[in-house]
Amino acid sequence: MKRLTKAVIALKIWKDKNGQDLIEYALMAGFVAVAAGALMPSVSSSISTVFSKISSVMAGAAAS
């Protein structure tokens, strides 16, 4: 019975798609930023700054 319960829980987790949209939006924003940096080299430094700030915030959130 415990095996069946674990299998049911695993299937529910596998089908859970609540965070999927957030990941898709983040990937799309990254692709747009890379394309903008490739097309407009003057923008690439500000894009780099934004990603550096995001990285530091994420690292701080992971540490706490």
C-alpha atoms as a PDB file:
ATOM      1  CA  MET A   1       0.000   0.000   0.000  1.00  0.00           C
ATOM      2  CA  LYS A   2       2.856   2.402   0.768  1.00  0.00           C
ATOM      3  CA  ARG A   3       4.305   1.791  -2.695  1.00  0.00           C
ATOM      4  CA  LEU A   4       1.007   2.688  -4.305  1.00  0.00           C
ATOM      5  CA  THR A   5       0.751   5.862  -2.237  1.00  0.00           C
ATOM      6  CA  LYS A   6       4.282   6.894  -3.195  1.00  0.00           C
ATOM      7  CA  ALA A   7       3.523   6.234  -6.871  1.00  0.00           C
ATOM      8  CA  VAL A   8       0.378   8.374  -6.715  1.00  0.00           C
ATOM      9  CA  ILE A   9       2.284  11.219  -5.044  1.00  0.00           C
ATOM     10  CA  ALA A  10       5.051  10.968  -7.647  1.00  0.00           C
ATOM     11  CA  LEU A  11       2.511  11.177 -10.464  1.00  0.00           C
ATOM     12  CA  LYS A  12       0.881  14.256  -8.927  1.00  0.00           C
ATOM     13  CA  ILE A  13       4.246  15.986  -8.674  1.00  0.00           C
ATOM     14  CA  TRP A  14       5.086  15.001 -12.250  1.00  0.00           C
ATOM     15  CA  LYS A  15       1.846  16.546 -13.535  1.00  0.00           C
ATOM     16  CA  ASP A  16       2.140  19.733 -11.469  1.00  0.00           C
ATOM     17  CA  LYS A  17       2.702  22.603 -13.900  1.00  0.00           C
ATOM     18  CA  ASN A  18       2.201  25.648 -11.656  1.00  0.00           C
ATOM     19  CA  GLY A  19       5.712  27.049 -12.130  1.00  0.00           C
ATOM     20  CA  GLN A  20       5.934  26.320 -15.832  1.00  0.00           C
ATOM     21  CA  ASP A  21       4.720  29.743 -16.995  1.00  0.00           C
ATOM     22  CA  LEU A  22       7.260  31.606 -14.879  1.00  0.00           C
ATOM     23  CA  ILE A  23      10.125  29.606 -16.358  1.00  0.00           C
ATOM     24  CA  GLU A  24       8.866  30.185 -19.891  1.00  0.00           C
ATOM     25  CA  TYR A  25       8.628  33.954 -19.326  1.00  0.00           C
ATOM     26  CA  ALA A  26      12.119  34.044 -17.822  1.00  0.00           C
ATOM     27  CA  LEU A  27      13.552  32.153 -20.794  1.00  0.00           C
ATOM     28  CA  MET A  28      11.772  34.449 -23.235  1.00  0.00           C
ATOM     29  CA  ALA A  29      13.108  37.535 -21.440  1.00  0.00           C
ATOM     30  CA  GLY A  30      16.597  36.076 -21.621  1.00  0.00           C
ATOM     31  CA  PHE A  31      16.297  35.405 -25.346  1.00  0.00           C
ATOM     32  CA  VAL A  32      15.032  38.927 -25.987  1.00  0.00           C
ATOM     33  CA  ALA A  33      17.897  40.389 -23.962  1.00  0.00           C
ATOM     34  CA  VAL A  34      20.485  38.347 -25.873  1.00  0.00           C
ATOM     35  CA  ALA A  35      18.944  39.351 -29.207  1.00  0.00           C
ATOM     36  CA  ALA A  36      18.877  43.019 -28.181  1.00  0.00           C
ATOM     37  CA  GLY A  37      22.512  42.830 -27.115  1.00  0.00           C
ATOM     38  CA  ALA A  38      23.481  41.244 -30.425  1.00  0.00           C
ATOM     39  CA  LEU A  39      21.573  43.788 -32.503  1.00  0.00           C
ATOM     40  CA  MET A  40      22.475  46.865 -30.475  1.00  0.00           C
ATOM     41  CA  PRO A  41      25.979  46.631 -29.003  1.00  0.00           C
ATOM     42  CA  SER A  42      25.523  49.853 -27.033  1.00  0.00           C
ATOM     43  CA  VAL A  43      22.748  48.180 -25.032  1.00  0.00           C
ATOM     44  CA  SER A  44      24.819  45.129 -24.141  1.00  0.00           C
ATOM     45  CA  SER A  45      26.559  46.798 -21.184  1.00  0.00           C
ATOM     46  CA  SER A  46      23.263  47.770 -19.551  1.00  0.00           C
ATOM     47  CA  ILE A  47      21.880  44.270 -20.170  1.00  0.00           C
ATOM     48  CA  SER A  48      24.980  42.844 -18.508  1.00  0.00           C
ATOM     49  CA  THR A  49      24.410  45.133 -15.512  1.00  0.00           C
ATOM     50  CA  VAL A  50      20.794  44.007 -15.176  1.00  0.00           C
ATOM     51  CA  PHE A  51      21.742  40.326 -15.285  1.00  0.00           C
ATOM     52  CA  SER A  52      24.495  40.915 -12.728  1.00  0.00           C
ATOM     53  CA  LYS A  53      21.980  42.521 -10.360  1.00  0.00           C
ATOM     54  CA  ILE A  54      19.542  39.654 -10.899  1.00  0.00           C
ATOM     55  CA  SER A  55      22.310  37.149 -10.210  1.00  0.00           C
ATOM     56  CA  SER A  56      23.295  38.856  -6.957  1.00  0.00           C
ATOM     57  CA  VAL A  57      19.677  39.020  -5.766  1.00  0.00           C
ATOM     58  CA  MET A  58      19.147  35.339  -6.598  1.00  0.00           C
ATOM     59  CA  ALA A  59      22.360  34.379  -4.777  1.00  0.00           C
ATOM     60  CA  GLY A  60      21.266  36.349  -1.735  1.00  0.00           C
ATOM     61  CA  ALA A  61      17.841  34.709  -1.765  1.00  0.00           C
ATOM     62  CA  ALA A  62      19.382  31.247  -2.054  1.00  0.00           C
ATOM     63  CA  ALA A  63      21.719  31.933   0.861  1.00  0.00           C
ATOM     64  CA  SER A  64      18.925  32.907   3.239  1.00  0.00           C
END
